[in-house]
Amino acid sequence: MSISWQGSVVFFGTRDLEAVDRFYRQCLGLPLFKDQGLCRIYDVPGGGRVGFCTHLTAAPLKKSPIITLLAQDVDQAYEQLIECGYQPDTEPKVHDNFHIYHFFVQDPSGYTLEIQRFLDD
């Protein structure tokens, strides 16, 4: 018997759904999949969904998990976030060990967001 999977959602806690919505939907352009009141779920074109809920504990105390979004044009995402008023941790750069081009930024809930492109594709 085989399970027929229909996708995935990874949920994170937040204190401010409106700030999360501005960041993920307006700044990054992720479509809102479902607004459940206490949770908002965003489609990630190319696969998967990411959700944020006010009833879950927000941003971990020690080290944040990394939410990675894959983009063909990392530089465009970088410029778009700056235009939205966010300051990425560094400019986009090549990471030779992983063969990626990427940068990091903190989202409104304190999670680390990585925008990256695989260089060996």
N, C-alpha and C. Protein backbone atom coordinates (compact mmCIF):
# COMPACT_ATOMS: atom_id res chain seq x y z
N MET A 1 0.84 -1.18 0.00
CA MET A 1 0.00 0.00 0.00
C MET A 1 0.89 1.24 0.00
N SER A 2 0.63 2.16 -0.90
CA SER A 2 1.44 3.35 -1.06
C SER A 2 0.63 4.59 -0.66
N ILE A 3 1.26 5.48 0.09
CA ILE A 3 0.62 6.73 0.49
C ILE A 3 0.72 7.71 -0.67
N SER A 4 -0.34 8.43 -0.94
CA SER A 4 -0.34 9.44 -1.99
C SER A 4 -0.11 10.81 -1.34
N TRP A 5 1.16 11.24 -1.27
CA TRP A 5 1.50 12.52 -0.65
C TRP A 5 1.00 13.66 -1.50
N GLN A 6 0.60 14.76 -0.84
CA GLN A 6 0.07 15.91 -1.56
C GLN A 6 0.82 17.19 -1.26
N GLY A 7 1.98 17.11 -0.66
CA GLY A 7 2.78 18.30 -0.38
C GLY A 7 3.28 18.31 1.05
N SER A 8 3.82 19.46 1.45
CA SER A 8 4.32 19.60 2.81
C SER A 8 4.19 21.04 3.27
N VAL A 9 4.07 21.20 4.59
CA VAL A 9 4.06 22.52 5.23
C VAL A 9 4.98 22.41 6.43
N VAL A 10 5.88 23.37 6.58
CA VAL A 10 6.71 23.48 7.77
C VAL A 10 6.20 24.70 8.54
N PHE A 11 5.87 24.50 9.83
CA PHE A 11 5.30 25.57 10.63
C PHE A 11 6.32 26.14 11.61
N PHE A 12 6.24 27.45 11.80
CA PHE A 12 7.08 28.18 12.74
C PHE A 12 6.20 29.09 13.58
N GLY A 13 6.63 29.38 14.78
CA GLY A 13 5.90 30.30 15.64
C GLY A 13 6.22 31.75 15.29
N THR A 14 5.26 32.63 15.57
CA THR A 14 5.47 34.07 15.39
C THR A 14 4.62 34.83 16.38
N ARG A 15 5.02 36.04 16.67
CA ARG A 15 4.22 36.92 17.52
C ARG A 15 3.41 37.91 16.69
N ASP A 16 3.77 38.07 15.39
CA ASP A 16 3.18 39.12 14.58
C ASP A 16 2.90 38.62 13.16
N LEU A 17 1.68 38.14 12.94
CA LEU A 17 1.30 37.62 11.61
C LEU A 17 1.31 38.71 10.54
N GLU A 18 0.99 39.94 10.92
CA GLU A 18 0.97 41.02 9.92
C GLU A 18 2.38 41.32 9.41
N ALA A 19 3.35 41.36 10.31
CA ALA A 19 4.74 41.60 9.88
C ALA A 19 5.24 40.44 9.03
N VAL A 20 4.88 39.22 9.42
CA VAL A 20 5.25 38.03 8.63
C VAL A 20 4.63 38.12 7.24
N ASP A 21 3.36 38.53 7.18
CA ASP A 21 2.68 38.63 5.90
C ASP A 21 3.36 39.66 5.00
N ARG A 22 3.70 40.83 5.54
CA ARG A 22 4.39 41.84 4.74
C ARG A 22 5.71 41.30 4.19
N PHE A 23 6.45 40.57 5.04
CA PHE A 23 7.75 40.04 4.64
C PHE A 23 7.63 38.97 3.58
N TYR A 24 6.85 37.93 3.86
CA TYR A 24 6.79 36.77 2.95
C TYR A 24 5.91 37.01 1.72
N ARG A 25 4.81 37.71 1.89
CA ARG A 25 3.92 37.90 0.75
C ARG A 25 4.27 39.14 -0.04
N GLN A 26 4.42 40.27 0.64
CA GLN A 26 4.65 41.51 -0.08
C GLN A 26 6.10 41.69 -0.51
N CYS A 27 7.06 41.42 0.37
CA CYS A 27 8.47 41.62 0.01
C CYS A 27 9.02 40.49 -0.86
N LEU A 28 8.71 39.25 -0.49
CA LEU A 28 9.25 38.10 -1.23
C LEU A 28 8.31 37.59 -2.32
N GLY A 29 7.05 37.97 -2.27
CA GLY A 29 6.11 37.58 -3.31
C GLY A 29 5.59 36.16 -3.21
N LEU A 30 5.66 35.54 -2.02
CA LEU A 30 5.10 34.20 -1.87
C LEU A 30 3.58 34.30 -1.79
N PRO A 31 2.85 33.52 -2.57
CA PRO A 31 1.39 33.57 -2.52
C PRO A 31 0.85 33.00 -1.20
N LEU A 32 -0.16 33.67 -0.67
CA LEU A 32 -0.83 33.16 0.52
C LEU A 32 -1.68 31.96 0.10
N PHE A 33 -1.39 30.80 0.70
CA PHE A 33 -2.15 29.58 0.41
C PHE A 33 -3.41 29.53 1.25
N LYS A 34 -3.26 29.82 2.56
CA LYS A 34 -4.42 29.69 3.45
C LYS A 34 -4.20 30.57 4.68
N ASP A 35 -5.24 31.32 5.02
CA ASP A 35 -5.25 32.09 6.26
C ASP A 35 -6.19 31.37 7.22
N GLN A 36 -5.63 30.80 8.28
CA GLN A 36 -6.42 30.05 9.24
C GLN A 36 -6.70 30.85 10.50
N GLY A 37 -6.51 32.14 10.43
CA GLY A 37 -6.72 32.97 11.62
C GLY A 37 -5.47 33.05 12.46
N LEU A 38 -5.17 31.96 13.19
CA LEU A 38 -3.96 31.91 14.01
C LEU A 38 -2.72 31.53 13.21
N CYS A 39 -2.92 31.04 12.00
CA CYS A 39 -1.80 30.62 11.14
C CYS A 39 -2.02 31.15 9.72
N ARG A 40 -0.92 31.48 9.08
CA ARG A 40 -0.94 31.81 7.65
C ARG A 40 0.08 30.91 6.97
N ILE A 41 -0.35 30.33 5.85
CA ILE A 41 0.49 29.39 5.12
C ILE A 41 0.75 29.97 3.74
N TYR A 42 2.02 29.95 3.33
CA TYR A 42 2.44 30.52 2.06
C TYR A 42 2.95 29.43 1.14
N ASP A 43 2.56 29.51 -0.13
CA ASP A 43 3.08 28.61 -1.16
C ASP A 43 4.50 29.00 -1.50
N VAL A 44 5.35 28.02 -1.68
CA VAL A 44 6.69 28.26 -2.19
C VAL A 44 6.70 27.68 -3.61
N PRO A 45 6.63 28.55 -4.62
CA PRO A 45 6.62 28.05 -5.99
C PRO A 45 7.81 27.11 -6.22
N GLY A 46 7.54 25.99 -6.83
CA GLY A 46 8.57 24.99 -7.02
C GLY A 46 8.46 23.85 -6.03
N GLY A 47 7.69 24.06 -4.94
CA GLY A 47 7.46 22.97 -4.01
C GLY A 47 7.40 23.38 -2.56
N GLY A 48 6.42 22.86 -1.88
CA GLY A 48 6.30 23.02 -0.43
C GLY A 48 5.57 24.29 -0.01
N ARG A 49 5.34 24.37 1.28
CA ARG A 49 4.69 25.52 1.88
C ARG A 49 5.35 25.81 3.22
N VAL A 50 5.28 27.05 3.63
CA VAL A 50 5.80 27.45 4.93
C VAL A 50 4.68 28.20 5.65
N GLY A 51 4.48 27.85 6.94
CA GLY A 51 3.41 28.45 7.71
C GLY A 51 3.92 29.08 8.99
N PHE A 52 3.21 30.11 9.44
CA PHE A 52 3.56 30.80 10.68
C PHE A 52 2.32 30.91 11.53
N CYS A 53 2.45 30.59 12.83
CA CYS A 53 1.31 30.53 13.74
C CYS A 53 1.61 31.28 15.02
N THR A 54 0.60 32.00 15.51
CA THR A 54 0.77 32.74 16.76
C THR A 54 0.64 31.86 18.00
N HIS A 55 0.10 30.66 17.86
CA HIS A 55 -0.03 29.79 19.03
C HIS A 55 1.21 28.91 19.24
N LEU A 56 2.20 29.00 18.35
CA LEU A 56 3.46 28.28 18.51
C LEU A 56 4.51 29.22 19.07
N THR A 57 5.47 28.68 19.79
CA THR A 57 6.54 29.49 20.34
C THR A 57 7.34 30.12 19.21
N ALA A 58 7.55 31.42 19.30
CA ALA A 58 8.29 32.14 18.27
C ALA A 58 9.79 32.00 18.46
N ALA A 59 10.51 32.19 17.40
CA ALA A 59 11.98 32.15 17.31
C ALA A 59 12.67 31.48 18.49
N PRO A 60 13.43 30.46 18.21
CA PRO A 60 14.16 29.73 19.24
C PRO A 60 15.13 30.62 20.02
N LEU A 61 15.47 30.18 21.21
CA LEU A 61 16.34 30.98 22.07
C LEU A 61 17.80 30.94 21.65
N LYS A 62 18.31 29.81 21.20
CA LYS A 62 19.74 29.70 20.89
C LYS A 62 19.99 29.98 19.42
N LYS A 63 19.88 28.99 18.58
CA LYS A 63 20.16 29.17 17.16
C LYS A 63 18.90 28.90 16.36
N SER A 64 18.59 29.84 15.50
CA SER A 64 17.40 29.75 14.67
C SER A 64 17.56 28.66 13.62
N PRO A 65 16.46 27.96 13.30
CA PRO A 65 16.52 27.10 12.12
C PRO A 65 16.66 27.99 10.90
N ILE A 66 17.09 27.44 9.81
CA ILE A 66 17.24 28.21 8.58
C ILE A 66 16.12 27.84 7.63
N ILE A 67 15.38 28.84 7.19
CA ILE A 67 14.37 28.67 6.15
C ILE A 67 15.07 29.04 4.85
N THR A 68 15.21 28.11 3.94
CA THR A 68 15.91 28.38 2.69
C THR A 68 14.93 28.40 1.53
N LEU A 69 14.95 29.50 0.79
CA LEU A 69 14.16 29.63 -0.42
C LEU A 69 15.12 29.62 -1.61
N LEU A 70 14.81 28.79 -2.59
CA LEU A 70 15.65 28.69 -3.78
C LEU A 70 15.18 29.70 -4.81
N ALA A 71 16.11 30.45 -5.37
CA ALA A 71 15.78 31.47 -6.36
C ALA A 71 16.80 31.42 -7.50
N GLN A 72 16.32 31.61 -8.70
CA GLN A 72 17.22 31.69 -9.84
C GLN A 72 18.03 32.98 -9.80
N ASP A 73 17.39 34.08 -9.38
CA ASP A 73 18.06 35.38 -9.33
C ASP A 73 18.19 35.84 -7.88
N VAL A 74 19.27 35.41 -7.24
CA VAL A 74 19.54 35.73 -5.83
C VAL A 74 19.74 37.24 -5.66
N ASP A 75 20.40 37.87 -6.62
CA ASP A 75 20.66 39.31 -6.52
C ASP A 75 19.36 40.11 -6.54
N GLN A 76 18.39 39.69 -7.34
CA GLN A 76 17.10 40.37 -7.39
C GLN A 76 16.39 40.26 -6.03
N ALA A 77 16.42 39.09 -5.43
CA ALA A 77 15.81 38.90 -4.10
C ALA A 77 16.50 39.80 -3.07
N TYR A 78 17.81 39.89 -3.15
CA TYR A 78 18.59 40.75 -2.25
C TYR A 78 18.14 42.20 -2.37
N GLU A 79 18.07 42.70 -3.60
CA GLU A 79 17.66 44.10 -3.84
C GLU A 79 16.22 44.33 -3.40
N GLN A 80 15.35 43.36 -3.65
CA GLN A 80 13.95 43.48 -3.28
C GLN A 80 13.79 43.60 -1.76
N LEU A 81 14.55 42.82 -1.00
CA LEU A 81 14.47 42.89 0.45
C LEU A 81 14.99 44.24 0.96
N ILE A 82 16.04 44.75 0.36
CA ILE A 82 16.55 46.07 0.75
C ILE A 82 15.50 47.14 0.47
N GLU A 83 14.84 47.05 -0.69
CA GLU A 83 13.77 48.00 -1.03
C GLU A 83 12.62 47.94 -0.03
N CYS A 84 12.40 46.76 0.57
CA CYS A 84 11.34 46.59 1.57
C CYS A 84 11.78 47.04 2.96
N GLY A 85 13.03 47.47 3.09
CA GLY A 85 13.52 47.96 4.37
C GLY A 85 14.24 46.96 5.24
N TYR A 86 14.58 45.80 4.68
CA TYR A 86 15.31 44.78 5.44
C TYR A 86 16.79 44.84 5.08
N GLN A 87 17.64 44.56 6.06
CA GLN A 87 19.08 44.59 5.84
C GLN A 87 19.64 43.17 5.94
N PRO A 88 19.93 42.53 4.80
CA PRO A 88 20.54 41.20 4.84
C PRO A 88 21.84 41.22 5.63
N ASP A 89 22.22 40.06 6.16
CA ASP A 89 23.44 39.94 6.97
C ASP A 89 24.69 40.25 6.16
N THR A 90 24.71 39.81 4.90
CA THR A 90 25.84 40.06 4.01
C THR A 90 25.30 40.22 2.59
N GLU A 91 26.15 40.66 1.70
CA GLU A 91 25.78 40.67 0.29
C GLU A 91 25.81 39.24 -0.21
N PRO A 92 25.11 38.94 -1.31
CA PRO A 92 25.16 37.58 -1.87
C PRO A 92 26.60 37.18 -2.19
N LYS A 93 26.92 35.92 -1.91
CA LYS A 93 28.28 35.44 -2.18
C LYS A 93 28.25 33.95 -2.48
N VAL A 94 29.34 33.49 -3.06
CA VAL A 94 29.52 32.08 -3.37
C VAL A 94 30.04 31.36 -2.14
N HIS A 95 29.46 30.22 -1.82
CA HIS A 95 29.96 29.34 -0.76
C HIS A 95 30.51 28.11 -1.46
N ASP A 96 31.83 28.03 -1.56
CA ASP A 96 32.49 26.97 -2.33
C ASP A 96 32.22 25.57 -1.81
N ASN A 97 32.14 25.40 -0.48
CA ASN A 97 31.94 24.06 0.08
C ASN A 97 30.62 23.44 -0.36
N PHE A 98 29.58 24.26 -0.49
CA PHE A 98 28.26 23.76 -0.85
C PHE A 98 27.90 24.03 -2.31
N HIS A 99 28.75 24.75 -3.02
CA HIS A 99 28.51 25.10 -4.43
C HIS A 99 27.19 25.85 -4.58
N ILE A 100 27.06 26.91 -3.78
CA ILE A 100 25.85 27.73 -3.82
C ILE A 100 26.23 29.21 -3.89
N TYR A 101 25.27 30.02 -4.30
CA TYR A 101 25.34 31.48 -4.26
C TYR A 101 24.20 31.89 -3.36
N HIS A 102 24.46 32.66 -2.29
CA HIS A 102 23.43 32.87 -1.28
C HIS A 102 23.68 34.09 -0.41
N PHE A 103 22.65 34.41 0.41
CA PHE A 103 22.78 35.38 1.48
C PHE A 103 21.74 35.05 2.55
N PHE A 104 21.91 35.66 3.71
CA PHE A 104 21.00 35.46 4.84
C PHE A 104 20.38 36.78 5.26
N VAL A 105 19.15 36.69 5.79
CA VAL A 105 18.46 37.84 6.37
C VAL A 105 17.57 37.31 7.49
N GLN A 106 17.32 38.15 8.48
CA GLN A 106 16.42 37.76 9.57
C GLN A 106 15.00 38.17 9.21
N ASP A 107 14.04 37.25 9.38
CA ASP A 107 12.65 37.61 9.10
C ASP A 107 12.07 38.33 10.33
N PRO A 108 10.84 38.84 10.24
CA PRO A 108 10.27 39.61 11.36
C PRO A 108 10.12 38.82 12.66
N SER A 109 10.10 37.50 12.60
CA SER A 109 9.98 36.69 13.81
C SER A 109 11.34 36.29 14.37
N GLY A 110 12.42 36.68 13.71
CA GLY A 110 13.76 36.36 14.18
C GLY A 110 14.35 35.11 13.57
N TYR A 111 13.67 34.50 12.61
CA TYR A 111 14.20 33.31 11.95
C TYR A 111 15.20 33.71 10.88
N THR A 112 16.18 32.87 10.67
CA THR A 112 17.15 33.09 9.62
C THR A 112 16.57 32.59 8.30
N LEU A 113 16.51 33.48 7.32
CA LEU A 113 16.07 33.14 5.99
C LEU A 113 17.27 33.17 5.07
N GLU A 114 17.46 32.10 4.31
CA GLU A 114 18.54 32.05 3.34
C GLU A 114 17.92 32.04 1.95
N ILE A 115 18.42 32.89 1.09
CA ILE A 115 18.03 32.87 -0.32
C ILE A 115 19.24 32.29 -1.06
N GLN A 116 19.02 31.23 -1.82
CA GLN A 116 20.16 30.57 -2.45
C GLN A 116 19.84 30.01 -3.83
N ARG A 117 20.92 29.82 -4.59
CA ARG A 117 20.86 29.15 -5.89
C ARG A 117 21.98 28.13 -5.91
N PHE A 118 21.66 26.90 -6.32
CA PHE A 118 22.69 25.87 -6.49
C PHE A 118 23.49 26.19 -7.74
N LEU A 119 24.80 26.14 -7.63
CA LEU A 119 25.66 26.50 -8.76
C LEU A 119 25.94 25.33 -9.68
N ASP A 120 25.63 24.12 -9.25
CA ASP A 120 25.92 22.96 -10.10
C ASP A 120 24.71 22.45 -10.84
N ASP A 121 23.66 23.25 -10.94
CA ASP A 121 22.46 22.84 -11.67
C ASP A 121 22.53 23.33 -13.11
